[in-house]
Amino acid sequence: MNIQSSSSVSSEKAHWQSIKNGNEDALKYFYDLYSSALYNYGSKFSTDKDLIKECIQELFVNLWIRRSAIGDPQHVKNYLFKSFRLSVFKKTALLQKHQEYEEAELYPFQVSLNIEDEIISAEQNEALRTKLQQSLSGLTDRQREAIFLKFYENLSYEEIAEVMGISVKASYKIMARALGFLKDNLQKDEFIILYYIFCLKLLN
């Protein structure tokens, strides 16, 4: 789950209210807190760095412009990720003509593994990295995005559904199919290592 301390949640709510009251420092607080994570997320959809930066800038500019009309999201991070994702989809033409945002299933999303040397020996590192990366490439882009949000951004299934614009049931199904595919296409020890790598992301 996306676990935040009570003090962290209280601080975010206070800063969010400050934005609504016209405090520019509160806007900077969220920019400093989430801009790097948003950039990392956006880079999985597109290699156009300037476009990703533009989407981030527009997200916070629009947040400031619309500050008097915005509501009070339960989790600011999810709100920002969802809004940013929609902006990226629109600017990169990932939505097909006349297609609703919630209907989008075919879009690029790339995840690269970083395997720490402590996990396996240096001699095995490159071969295993290649094998694991190939297995990830066999997933759909939608499945890779769900894995990224679950293990790299530590979101719950409910939050994944919120960000991706899908039902909670669909988020469970996507994850189950993704892990099932990886388990079927890797040796048992390889799958264990891959899952261990995913779980390590929750601690970073």
N, C-alpha and C. Protein backbone atom coordinates (compact mmCIF):
# COMPACT_ATOMS: atom_id res chain seq x y z
N MET A 1 0.84 -1.19 0.00
CA MET A 1 0.00 0.00 0.00
C MET A 1 0.87 1.24 0.00
N ASN A 2 0.26 2.33 -0.39
CA ASN A 2 0.97 3.60 -0.37
C ASN A 2 0.90 4.16 1.03
N ILE A 3 1.88 3.80 1.86
CA ILE A 3 1.84 4.13 3.27
C ILE A 3 2.53 5.46 3.54
N GLN A 4 1.82 6.38 4.16
CA GLN A 4 2.39 7.65 4.57
C GLN A 4 2.15 7.81 6.06
N SER A 5 3.10 8.44 6.74
CA SER A 5 2.92 8.70 8.16
C SER A 5 1.81 9.73 8.33
N SER A 6 1.19 9.72 9.50
CA SER A 6 0.11 10.67 9.76
C SER A 6 0.60 12.11 9.67
N SER A 7 1.86 12.33 10.08
CA SER A 7 2.41 13.69 10.00
C SER A 7 2.61 14.12 8.56
N SER A 8 3.01 13.16 7.70
CA SER A 8 3.20 13.45 6.28
C SER A 8 1.88 13.79 5.62
N VAL A 9 0.84 13.01 5.93
CA VAL A 9 -0.49 13.26 5.37
C VAL A 9 -1.01 14.61 5.83
N SER A 10 -0.83 14.90 7.12
CA SER A 10 -1.29 16.17 7.68
C SER A 10 -0.57 17.34 7.01
N SER A 11 0.74 17.17 6.78
CA SER A 11 1.53 18.22 6.15
C SER A 11 1.05 18.47 4.72
N GLU A 12 0.77 17.38 3.98
CA GLU A 12 0.30 17.54 2.61
C GLU A 12 -1.05 18.24 2.58
N LYS A 13 -1.94 17.87 3.48
CA LYS A 13 -3.26 18.49 3.51
C LYS A 13 -3.14 19.98 3.84
N ALA A 14 -2.23 20.30 4.75
CA ALA A 14 -2.04 21.70 5.12
C ALA A 14 -1.47 22.50 3.95
N HIS A 15 -0.51 21.93 3.25
CA HIS A 15 0.07 22.61 2.09
C HIS A 15 -0.95 22.73 0.95
N TRP A 16 -1.77 21.70 0.80
CA TRP A 16 -2.80 21.75 -0.25
C TRP A 16 -3.78 22.89 0.02
N GLN A 17 -4.17 23.02 1.28
CA GLN A 17 -5.07 24.10 1.65
C GLN A 17 -4.41 25.45 1.45
N SER A 18 -3.09 25.50 1.67
CA SER A 18 -2.35 26.74 1.48
C SER A 18 -2.33 27.16 0.02
N ILE A 19 -2.24 26.16 -0.88
CA ILE A 19 -2.31 26.47 -2.32
C ILE A 19 -3.65 27.12 -2.63
N LYS A 20 -4.71 26.54 -2.11
CA LYS A 20 -6.05 27.06 -2.35
C LYS A 20 -6.21 28.47 -1.80
N ASN A 21 -5.41 28.78 -0.79
CA ASN A 21 -5.45 30.11 -0.19
C ASN A 21 -4.48 31.07 -0.86
N GLY A 22 -3.78 30.61 -1.91
CA GLY A 22 -2.91 31.49 -2.68
C GLY A 22 -1.46 31.54 -2.24
N ASN A 23 -0.98 30.49 -1.55
CA ASN A 23 0.40 30.45 -1.08
C ASN A 23 1.29 29.77 -2.12
N GLU A 24 2.15 30.53 -2.79
CA GLU A 24 3.02 29.98 -3.82
C GLU A 24 4.06 29.02 -3.24
N ASP A 25 4.48 29.24 -2.02
CA ASP A 25 5.45 28.34 -1.39
C ASP A 25 4.88 26.93 -1.25
N ALA A 26 3.58 26.83 -1.04
CA ALA A 26 2.94 25.52 -0.92
C ALA A 26 2.96 24.79 -2.26
N LEU A 27 2.81 25.54 -3.35
CA LEU A 27 2.91 24.94 -4.68
C LEU A 27 4.32 24.42 -4.90
N LYS A 28 5.32 25.18 -4.49
CA LYS A 28 6.72 24.76 -4.63
C LYS A 28 6.99 23.53 -3.79
N TYR A 29 6.33 23.42 -2.66
CA TYR A 29 6.49 22.25 -1.79
C TYR A 29 6.15 20.97 -2.55
N PHE A 30 5.02 20.97 -3.25
CA PHE A 30 4.61 19.78 -4.00
C PHE A 30 5.46 19.57 -5.24
N TYR A 31 5.90 20.66 -5.85
CA TYR A 31 6.78 20.52 -7.01
C TYR A 31 8.08 19.86 -6.60
N ASP A 32 8.67 20.34 -5.51
CA ASP A 32 9.93 19.76 -5.03
C ASP A 32 9.74 18.31 -4.59
N LEU A 33 8.57 17.99 -4.06
CA LEU A 33 8.30 16.66 -3.52
C LEU A 33 8.06 15.63 -4.62
N TYR A 34 7.40 16.03 -5.70
CA TYR A 34 6.94 15.05 -6.68
C TYR A 34 7.44 15.22 -8.11
N SER A 35 8.12 16.30 -8.42
CA SER A 35 8.51 16.53 -9.82
C SER A 35 9.46 15.45 -10.34
N SER A 36 10.38 14.98 -9.50
CA SER A 36 11.32 13.93 -9.95
C SER A 36 10.59 12.62 -10.21
N ALA A 37 9.65 12.27 -9.33
CA ALA A 37 8.88 11.04 -9.52
C ALA A 37 8.00 11.14 -10.76
N LEU A 38 7.43 12.30 -10.99
CA LEU A 38 6.61 12.51 -12.18
C LEU A 38 7.46 12.40 -13.45
N TYR A 39 8.66 12.95 -13.40
CA TYR A 39 9.54 12.87 -14.57
C TYR A 39 9.91 11.41 -14.86
N ASN A 40 10.21 10.67 -13.82
CA ASN A 40 10.55 9.26 -13.97
C ASN A 40 9.37 8.48 -14.56
N TYR A 41 8.19 8.78 -14.08
CA TYR A 41 6.97 8.14 -14.58
C TYR A 41 6.75 8.50 -16.06
N GLY A 42 6.86 9.78 -16.36
CA GLY A 42 6.64 10.23 -17.73
C GLY A 42 7.65 9.68 -18.72
N SER A 43 8.87 9.47 -18.25
CA SER A 43 9.92 8.97 -19.15
C SER A 43 9.65 7.54 -19.60
N LYS A 44 8.74 6.85 -18.92
CA LYS A 44 8.37 5.50 -19.34
C LYS A 44 7.41 5.53 -20.53
N PHE A 45 6.72 6.65 -20.70
CA PHE A 45 5.79 6.80 -21.83
C PHE A 45 6.48 7.37 -23.06
N SER A 46 7.47 8.24 -22.84
CA SER A 46 8.10 8.93 -23.97
C SER A 46 9.56 9.24 -23.65
N THR A 47 10.39 9.24 -24.69
CA THR A 47 11.80 9.60 -24.53
C THR A 47 12.02 11.09 -24.77
N ASP A 48 10.97 11.81 -25.07
CA ASP A 48 11.05 13.25 -25.31
C ASP A 48 11.12 13.98 -23.97
N LYS A 49 12.33 14.29 -23.54
CA LYS A 49 12.53 14.89 -22.22
C LYS A 49 11.85 16.25 -22.10
N ASP A 50 11.93 17.04 -23.18
CA ASP A 50 11.33 18.37 -23.14
C ASP A 50 9.81 18.29 -23.00
N LEU A 51 9.22 17.31 -23.66
CA LEU A 51 7.77 17.14 -23.58
C LEU A 51 7.36 16.77 -22.16
N ILE A 52 8.11 15.86 -21.54
CA ILE A 52 7.80 15.43 -20.17
C ILE A 52 7.93 16.62 -19.21
N LYS A 53 8.98 17.40 -19.37
CA LYS A 53 9.16 18.58 -18.52
C LYS A 53 8.04 19.58 -18.73
N GLU A 54 7.61 19.72 -19.97
CA GLU A 54 6.51 20.64 -20.29
C GLU A 54 5.22 20.19 -19.61
N CYS A 55 4.97 18.89 -19.61
CA CYS A 55 3.77 18.36 -18.96
C CYS A 55 3.80 18.61 -17.46
N ILE A 56 4.98 18.47 -16.86
CA ILE A 56 5.11 18.72 -15.43
C ILE A 56 4.87 20.19 -15.12
N GLN A 57 5.47 21.06 -15.92
CA GLN A 57 5.29 22.50 -15.71
C GLN A 57 3.82 22.88 -15.85
N GLU A 58 3.17 22.37 -16.88
CA GLU A 58 1.76 22.70 -17.11
C GLU A 58 0.88 22.18 -15.99
N LEU A 59 1.23 21.00 -15.45
CA LEU A 59 0.46 20.44 -14.35
C LEU A 59 0.41 21.40 -13.18
N PHE A 60 1.57 21.93 -12.80
CA PHE A 60 1.62 22.81 -11.64
C PHE A 60 1.11 24.21 -11.94
N VAL A 61 1.30 24.66 -13.17
CA VAL A 61 0.74 25.96 -13.57
C VAL A 61 -0.78 25.91 -13.52
N ASN A 62 -1.34 24.83 -14.08
CA ASN A 62 -2.80 24.69 -14.07
C ASN A 62 -3.34 24.51 -12.66
N LEU A 63 -2.57 23.82 -11.83
CA LEU A 63 -2.97 23.66 -10.43
C LEU A 63 -3.07 25.02 -9.76
N TRP A 64 -2.11 25.88 -10.07
CA TRP A 64 -2.11 27.23 -9.48
C TRP A 64 -3.26 28.07 -10.03
N ILE A 65 -3.47 28.01 -11.33
CA ILE A 65 -4.53 28.79 -11.96
C ILE A 65 -5.90 28.37 -11.45
N ARG A 66 -6.07 27.06 -11.25
CA ARG A 66 -7.38 26.53 -10.85
C ARG A 66 -7.49 26.33 -9.33
N ARG A 67 -6.59 26.92 -8.57
CA ARG A 67 -6.50 26.64 -7.14
C ARG A 67 -7.80 26.91 -6.38
N SER A 68 -8.55 27.90 -6.81
CA SER A 68 -9.78 28.22 -6.09
C SER A 68 -10.91 27.23 -6.38
N ALA A 69 -10.73 26.43 -7.44
CA ALA A 69 -11.80 25.51 -7.84
C ALA A 69 -11.49 24.04 -7.55
N ILE A 70 -10.25 23.75 -7.17
CA ILE A 70 -9.86 22.35 -6.97
C ILE A 70 -10.45 21.82 -5.66
N GLY A 71 -10.68 20.52 -5.65
CA GLY A 71 -11.22 19.88 -4.46
C GLY A 71 -10.13 19.50 -3.48
N ASP A 72 -10.43 18.51 -2.65
CA ASP A 72 -9.47 18.04 -1.64
C ASP A 72 -9.25 16.54 -1.83
N PRO A 73 -8.29 16.16 -2.67
CA PRO A 73 -8.03 14.74 -2.91
C PRO A 73 -7.55 14.03 -1.66
N GLN A 74 -7.91 12.77 -1.54
CA GLN A 74 -7.48 11.99 -0.38
C GLN A 74 -5.97 11.81 -0.39
N HIS A 75 -5.40 11.59 -1.59
CA HIS A 75 -3.96 11.46 -1.73
C HIS A 75 -3.49 12.40 -2.84
N VAL A 76 -2.71 13.39 -2.49
CA VAL A 76 -2.25 14.38 -3.47
C VAL A 76 -1.40 13.72 -4.55
N LYS A 77 -0.56 12.76 -4.16
CA LYS A 77 0.31 12.09 -5.13
C LYS A 77 -0.53 11.44 -6.23
N ASN A 78 -1.58 10.72 -5.86
CA ASN A 78 -2.42 10.06 -6.86
C ASN A 78 -3.07 11.08 -7.78
N TYR A 79 -3.53 12.16 -7.21
CA TYR A 79 -4.16 13.23 -7.99
C TYR A 79 -3.18 13.79 -9.02
N LEU A 80 -1.96 14.05 -8.58
CA LEU A 80 -0.94 14.62 -9.47
C LEU A 80 -0.55 13.62 -10.55
N PHE A 81 -0.37 12.36 -10.18
CA PHE A 81 0.01 11.33 -11.15
C PHE A 81 -1.08 11.15 -12.20
N LYS A 82 -2.32 11.12 -11.78
CA LYS A 82 -3.43 10.93 -12.72
C LYS A 82 -3.52 12.12 -13.67
N SER A 83 -3.43 13.34 -13.14
CA SER A 83 -3.51 14.54 -13.98
C SER A 83 -2.34 14.61 -14.94
N PHE A 84 -1.17 14.26 -14.46
CA PHE A 84 0.04 14.27 -15.28
C PHE A 84 -0.07 13.22 -16.39
N ARG A 85 -0.55 12.03 -16.04
CA ARG A 85 -0.70 10.95 -17.02
C ARG A 85 -1.63 11.38 -18.15
N LEU A 86 -2.74 12.01 -17.81
CA LEU A 86 -3.68 12.47 -18.82
C LEU A 86 -3.02 13.50 -19.74
N SER A 87 -2.24 14.40 -19.15
CA SER A 87 -1.53 15.41 -19.95
C SER A 87 -0.56 14.76 -20.93
N VAL A 88 0.19 13.76 -20.45
CA VAL A 88 1.14 13.05 -21.32
C VAL A 88 0.40 12.35 -22.46
N PHE A 89 -0.71 11.72 -22.15
CA PHE A 89 -1.50 11.02 -23.17
C PHE A 89 -1.94 12.00 -24.26
N LYS A 90 -2.41 13.16 -23.84
CA LYS A 90 -2.90 14.13 -24.82
C LYS A 90 -1.78 14.70 -25.68
N LYS A 91 -0.65 15.02 -25.06
CA LYS A 91 0.44 15.65 -25.79
C LYS A 91 1.22 14.68 -26.67
N THR A 92 1.20 13.41 -26.34
CA THR A 92 1.93 12.43 -27.15
C THR A 92 1.00 11.68 -28.10
N ALA A 93 -0.25 12.14 -28.18
CA ALA A 93 -1.23 11.54 -29.09
C ALA A 93 -1.38 10.04 -28.84
N LEU A 94 -1.32 9.64 -27.56
CA LEU A 94 -1.48 8.22 -27.24
C LEU A 94 -2.95 7.80 -27.32
N LEU A 95 -3.84 8.77 -27.28
CA LEU A 95 -5.25 8.46 -27.43
C LEU A 95 -5.61 8.44 -28.91
N GLN A 96 -6.27 7.38 -29.33
CA GLN A 96 -6.72 7.31 -30.70
C GLN A 96 -7.91 8.24 -30.91
N LYS A 97 -8.17 8.59 -32.15
CA LYS A 97 -9.24 9.52 -32.47
C LYS A 97 -10.56 9.03 -31.91
N HIS A 98 -11.28 9.95 -31.25
CA HIS A 98 -12.60 9.68 -30.67
C HIS A 98 -12.54 8.67 -29.51
N GLN A 99 -11.34 8.36 -29.02
CA GLN A 99 -11.22 7.40 -27.92
C GLN A 99 -11.24 8.12 -26.58
N GLU A 100 -11.98 7.57 -25.64
CA GLU A 100 -12.01 8.13 -24.30
C GLU A 100 -10.73 7.73 -23.56
N TYR A 101 -10.30 8.58 -22.63
CA TYR A 101 -9.07 8.33 -21.86
C TYR A 101 -9.12 6.99 -21.15
N GLU A 102 -10.28 6.65 -20.56
CA GLU A 102 -10.41 5.42 -19.81
C GLU A 102 -10.33 4.18 -20.69
N GLU A 103 -10.51 4.35 -22.01
CA GLU A 103 -10.51 3.21 -22.92
C GLU A 103 -9.11 2.86 -23.43
N ALA A 104 -8.15 3.73 -23.19
CA ALA A 104 -6.81 3.54 -23.76
C ALA A 104 -6.13 2.30 -23.19
N GLU A 105 -5.72 1.41 -24.06
CA GLU A 105 -5.01 0.21 -23.65
C GLU A 105 -3.69 0.04 -24.37
N LEU A 106 -3.59 0.54 -25.59
CA LEU A 106 -2.38 0.39 -26.38
C LEU A 106 -1.57 1.68 -26.35
N TYR A 107 -0.48 1.64 -25.62
CA TYR A 107 0.40 2.81 -25.51
C TYR A 107 1.76 2.32 -25.03
N PRO A 108 2.83 3.05 -25.34
CA PRO A 108 4.16 2.61 -24.92
C PRO A 108 4.40 2.85 -23.44
N PHE A 109 5.03 1.88 -22.79
CA PHE A 109 5.46 2.05 -21.40
C PHE A 109 6.62 1.11 -21.17
N GLN A 110 7.81 1.66 -20.97
CA GLN A 110 9.01 0.85 -20.86
C GLN A 110 9.61 0.94 -19.46
N VAL A 111 9.97 -0.22 -18.92
CA VAL A 111 10.60 -0.29 -17.61
C VAL A 111 11.93 -1.02 -17.73
N SER A 112 12.98 -0.42 -17.22
CA SER A 112 14.30 -1.05 -17.25
C SER A 112 14.69 -1.48 -15.84
N LEU A 113 15.33 -2.63 -15.75
CA LEU A 113 15.74 -3.16 -14.46
C LEU A 113 17.14 -2.68 -14.09
N ASN A 114 17.33 -2.41 -12.83
CA ASN A 114 18.66 -2.15 -12.28
C ASN A 114 18.92 -3.23 -11.24
N ILE A 115 19.80 -4.15 -11.58
CA ILE A 115 20.08 -5.27 -10.69
C ILE A 115 21.34 -4.98 -9.87
N GLU A 116 21.20 -4.97 -8.57
CA GLU A 116 22.33 -4.70 -7.70
C GLU A 116 23.29 -5.89 -7.69
N ASP A 117 24.57 -5.59 -7.64
CA ASP A 117 25.58 -6.65 -7.67
C ASP A 117 25.49 -7.58 -6.46
N GLU A 118 24.92 -7.06 -5.35
CA GLU A 118 24.85 -7.89 -4.16
C GLU A 118 23.88 -9.06 -4.33
N ILE A 119 22.95 -8.93 -5.26
CA ILE A 119 21.93 -9.97 -5.43
C ILE A 119 22.51 -11.21 -6.09
N ILE A 120 23.33 -11.00 -7.11
CA ILE A 120 23.92 -12.11 -7.86
C ILE A 120 25.37 -11.77 -8.16
N SER A 121 26.12 -12.79 -8.59
CA SER A 121 27.53 -12.57 -8.91
C SER A 121 27.67 -11.73 -10.17
N ALA A 122 28.78 -11.05 -10.30
CA ALA A 122 29.03 -10.18 -11.45
C ALA A 122 29.00 -10.96 -12.75
N GLU A 123 29.46 -12.21 -12.73
CA GLU A 123 29.49 -13.02 -13.95
C GLU A 123 28.08 -13.30 -14.47
N GLN A 124 27.15 -13.48 -13.56
CA GLN A 124 25.78 -13.79 -13.94
C GLN A 124 24.95 -12.55 -14.22
N ASN A 125 25.43 -11.42 -13.79
CA ASN A 125 24.63 -10.20 -13.80
C ASN A 125 24.05 -9.87 -15.16
N GLU A 126 24.89 -9.78 -16.18
CA GLU A 126 24.43 -9.33 -17.49
C GLU A 126 23.48 -10.34 -18.13
N ALA A 127 23.80 -11.62 -18.02
CA ALA A 127 22.94 -12.65 -18.60
C ALA A 127 21.57 -12.65 -17.94
N LEU A 128 21.55 -12.52 -16.63
CA LEU A 128 20.27 -12.53 -15.92
C LEU A 128 19.50 -11.25 -16.21
N ARG A 129 20.20 -10.14 -16.26
CA ARG A 129 19.55 -8.86 -16.57
C ARG A 129 18.83 -8.96 -17.92
N THR A 130 19.53 -9.55 -18.91
CA THR A 130 18.95 -9.70 -20.24
C THR A 130 17.72 -10.58 -20.20
N LYS A 131 17.80 -11.70 -19.47
CA LYS A 131 16.68 -12.63 -19.38
C LYS A 131 15.48 -11.98 -18.70
N LEU A 132 15.72 -11.28 -17.61
CA LEU A 132 14.62 -10.65 -16.90
C LEU A 132 14.01 -9.52 -17.70
N GLN A 133 14.85 -8.76 -18.39
CA GLN A 133 14.35 -7.66 -19.21
C GLN A 133 13.51 -8.19 -20.36
N GLN A 134 13.95 -9.30 -20.94
CA GLN A 134 13.18 -9.90 -22.02
C GLN A 134 11.81 -10.37 -21.52
N SER A 135 11.78 -10.89 -20.31
CA SER A 135 10.49 -11.34 -19.77
C SER A 135 9.55 -10.16 -19.55
N LEU A 136 10.09 -9.03 -19.10
CA LEU A 136 9.27 -7.83 -18.93
C LEU A 136 8.76 -7.32 -20.28
N SER A 137 9.58 -7.48 -21.31
CA SER A 137 9.19 -7.04 -22.64
C SER A 137 8.02 -7.85 -23.18
N GLY A 138 7.82 -9.03 -22.63
CA GLY A 138 6.71 -9.87 -23.06
C GLY A 138 5.38 -9.45 -22.48
N LEU A 139 5.42 -8.57 -21.48
CA LEU A 139 4.18 -8.05 -20.89
C LEU A 139 3.58 -6.99 -21.79
N THR A 140 2.30 -6.72 -21.61
CA THR A 140 1.70 -5.59 -22.31
C THR A 140 2.19 -4.31 -21.63
N ASP A 141 2.12 -3.19 -22.34
CA ASP A 141 2.54 -1.92 -21.75
C ASP A 141 1.67 -1.57 -20.55
N ARG A 142 0.42 -1.91 -20.61
CA ARG A 142 -0.50 -1.66 -19.50
C ARG A 142 -0.08 -2.46 -18.27
N GLN A 143 0.37 -3.69 -18.47
CA GLN A 143 0.84 -4.51 -17.36
C GLN A 143 2.12 -3.94 -16.77
N ARG A 144 3.02 -3.47 -17.64
CA ARG A 144 4.27 -2.88 -17.14
C ARG A 144 4.00 -1.62 -16.33
N GLU A 145 3.02 -0.83 -16.77
CA GLU A 145 2.69 0.37 -16.02
C GLU A 145 2.14 0.02 -14.64
N ALA A 146 1.29 -0.98 -14.59
CA ALA A 146 0.72 -1.39 -13.30
C ALA A 146 1.82 -1.87 -12.35
N ILE A 147 2.77 -2.64 -12.88
CA ILE A 147 3.89 -3.11 -12.07
C ILE A 147 4.73 -1.93 -11.58
N PHE A 148 4.96 -0.96 -12.45
CA PHE A 148 5.72 0.23 -12.07
C PHE A 148 5.03 0.96 -10.93
N LEU A 149 3.73 1.18 -11.05
CA LEU A 149 3.00 1.93 -10.03
C LEU A 149 2.94 1.14 -8.72
N LYS A 150 2.84 -0.18 -8.82
CA LYS A 150 2.74 -1.01 -7.62
C LYS A 150 4.07 -1.10 -6.88
N PHE A 151 5.13 -1.43 -7.61
CA PHE A 151 6.40 -1.72 -6.95
C PHE A 151 7.37 -0.54 -6.91
N TYR A 152 7.29 0.35 -7.88
CA TYR A 152 8.22 1.48 -7.91
C TYR A 152 7.63 2.71 -7.21
N GLU A 153 6.31 2.87 -7.27
CA GLU A 153 5.68 4.02 -6.63
C GLU A 153 4.86 3.63 -5.41
N ASN A 154 4.82 2.33 -5.11
CA ASN A 154 4.22 1.85 -3.87
C ASN A 154 2.74 2.20 -3.73
N LEU A 155 2.00 2.10 -4.84
CA LEU A 155 0.58 2.39 -4.80
C LEU A 155 -0.22 1.12 -4.53
N SER A 156 -1.35 1.27 -3.89
CA SER A 156 -2.26 0.15 -3.66
C SER A 156 -3.03 -0.13 -4.95
N TYR A 157 -3.74 -1.24 -5.00
CA TYR A 157 -4.53 -1.56 -6.19
C TYR A 157 -5.61 -0.50 -6.42
N GLU A 158 -6.19 0.00 -5.34
CA GLU A 158 -7.20 1.05 -5.46
C GLU A 158 -6.59 2.31 -6.05
N GLU A 159 -5.37 2.63 -5.64
CA GLU A 159 -4.70 3.84 -6.14
C GLU A 159 -4.24 3.67 -7.58
N ILE A 160 -3.80 2.46 -7.93
CA ILE A 160 -3.43 2.17 -9.32
C ILE A 160 -4.64 2.38 -10.21
N ALA A 161 -5.79 1.89 -9.77
CA ALA A 161 -7.02 2.06 -10.53
C ALA A 161 -7.34 3.53 -10.71
N GLU A 162 -7.14 4.32 -9.66
CA GLU A 162 -7.42 5.75 -9.73
C GLU A 162 -6.52 6.44 -10.74
N VAL A 163 -5.23 6.16 -10.67
CA VAL A 163 -4.27 6.81 -11.56
C VAL A 163 -4.49 6.41 -13.02
N MET A 164 -4.73 5.12 -13.26
CA MET A 164 -4.85 4.60 -14.61
C MET A 164 -6.25 4.74 -15.20
N GLY A 165 -7.19 5.17 -14.38
CA GLY A 165 -8.54 5.36 -14.88
C GLY A 165 -9.26 4.06 -15.17
N ILE A 166 -9.04 3.04 -14.33
CA ILE A 166 -9.66 1.74 -14.53
C ILE A 166 -10.35 1.32 -13.23
N SER A 167 -11.08 0.22 -13.25
CA SER A 167 -11.73 -0.27 -12.04
C SER A 167 -10.71 -0.97 -11.14
N VAL A 168 -11.04 -1.07 -9.87
CA VAL A 168 -10.15 -1.76 -8.94
C VAL A 168 -10.02 -3.22 -9.35
N LYS A 169 -11.13 -3.82 -9.78
CA LYS A 169 -11.11 -5.20 -10.24
C LYS A 169 -10.14 -5.37 -11.40
N ALA A 170 -10.14 -4.41 -12.31
CA ALA A 170 -9.24 -4.48 -13.47
C ALA A 170 -7.79 -4.37 -13.03
N SER A 171 -7.50 -3.56 -12.02
CA SER A 171 -6.12 -3.41 -11.56
C SER A 171 -5.60 -4.73 -10.97
N TYR A 172 -6.46 -5.44 -10.23
CA TYR A 172 -6.08 -6.75 -9.70
C TYR A 172 -5.83 -7.73 -10.84
N LYS A 173 -6.71 -7.71 -11.84
CA LYS A 173 -6.62 -8.64 -12.96
C LYS A 173 -5.35 -8.40 -13.78
N ILE A 174 -5.03 -7.12 -14.02
CA ILE A 174 -3.83 -6.78 -14.79
C ILE A 174 -2.58 -7.27 -14.07
N MET A 175 -2.53 -7.05 -12.75
CA MET A 175 -1.36 -7.45 -11.98
C MET A 175 -1.23 -8.97 -11.93
N ALA A 176 -2.35 -9.66 -11.74
CA ALA A 176 -2.33 -11.12 -11.67
C ALA A 176 -1.84 -11.72 -12.98
N ARG A 177 -2.31 -11.18 -14.09
CA ARG A 177 -1.90 -11.69 -15.38
C ARG A 177 -0.42 -11.39 -15.65
N ALA A 178 0.03 -10.22 -15.21
CA ALA A 178 1.44 -9.86 -15.40
C ALA A 178 2.35 -10.79 -14.62
N LEU A 179 2.06 -10.98 -13.35
CA LEU A 179 2.90 -11.86 -12.52
C LEU A 179 2.78 -13.31 -12.98
N GLY A 180 1.60 -13.69 -13.44
CA GLY A 180 1.42 -15.04 -13.95
C GLY A 180 2.26 -15.29 -15.20
N PHE A 181 2.30 -14.31 -16.08
CA PHE A 181 3.12 -14.43 -17.29
C PHE A 181 4.60 -14.55 -16.94
N LEU A 182 5.06 -13.70 -16.02
CA LEU A 182 6.47 -13.72 -15.63
C LEU A 182 6.82 -15.06 -14.98
N LYS A 183 5.93 -15.56 -14.15
CA LYS A 183 6.18 -16.83 -13.47
C LYS A 183 6.24 -17.98 -14.47
N ASP A 184 5.41 -17.92 -15.51
CA ASP A 184 5.38 -18.98 -16.52
C ASP A 184 6.57 -18.94 -17.47
N ASN A 185 7.18 -17.78 -17.60
CA ASN A 185 8.25 -17.61 -18.59
C ASN A 185 9.65 -17.46 -17.98
N LEU A 186 9.74 -17.68 -16.68
CA LEU A 186 11.03 -17.64 -16.02
C LEU A 186 11.22 -18.91 -15.19
N GLN A 187 12.48 -19.27 -14.99
CA GLN A 187 12.76 -20.35 -14.04
C GLN A 187 12.37 -19.87 -12.64
N LYS A 188 12.12 -20.81 -11.75
CA LYS A 188 11.67 -20.46 -10.42
C LYS A 188 12.62 -19.49 -9.73
N ASP A 189 13.93 -19.77 -9.81
CA ASP A 189 14.89 -18.89 -9.14
C ASP A 189 14.96 -17.52 -9.81
N GLU A 190 14.76 -17.48 -11.13
CA GLU A 190 14.76 -16.21 -11.85
C GLU A 190 13.56 -15.36 -11.44
N PHE A 191 12.41 -16.00 -11.33
CA PHE A 191 11.21 -15.27 -10.91
C PHE A 191 11.36 -14.74 -9.49
N ILE A 192 11.94 -15.54 -8.62
CA ILE A 192 12.16 -15.11 -7.23
C ILE A 192 13.06 -13.88 -7.18
N ILE A 193 14.12 -13.89 -8.00
CA ILE A 193 15.03 -12.75 -8.05
C ILE A 193 14.30 -11.51 -8.56
N LEU A 194 13.51 -11.69 -9.63
CA LEU A 194 12.78 -10.56 -10.20
C LEU A 194 11.80 -9.99 -9.18
N TYR A 195 11.08 -10.86 -8.49
CA TYR A 195 10.12 -10.39 -7.50
C TYR A 195 10.84 -9.71 -6.34
N TYR A 196 12.02 -10.22 -6.00
CA TYR A 196 12.82 -9.62 -4.94
C TYR A 196 13.26 -8.21 -5.34
N ILE A 197 13.62 -8.05 -6.62
CA ILE A 197 14.00 -6.73 -7.13
C ILE A 197 12.81 -5.78 -7.02
N PHE A 198 11.63 -6.25 -7.41
CA PHE A 198 10.43 -5.43 -7.29
C PHE A 198 10.21 -5.00 -5.84
N CYS A 199 10.31 -5.95 -4.93
CA CYS A 199 10.05 -5.65 -3.51
C CYS A 199 11.08 -4.70 -2.94
N LEU A 200 12.31 -4.77 -3.42
CA LEU A 200 13.34 -3.85 -2.96
C LEU A 200 12.96 -2.41 -3.28
N LYS A 201 12.23 -2.21 -4.38
CA LYS A 201 11.82 -0.86 -4.78
C LYS A 201 10.92 -0.24 -3.73
N LEU A 202 10.20 -1.08 -2.98
CA LEU A 202 9.31 -0.56 -1.96
C LEU A 202 10.08 0.04 -0.78
N LEU A 203 11.34 -0.34 -0.67
CA LEU A 203 12.15 0.13 0.44
C LEU A 203 12.98 1.35 0.10
N ASN A 204 13.01 1.70 -1.20
CA ASN A 204 13.84 2.83 -1.64
C ASN A 204 13.08 4.15 -1.59
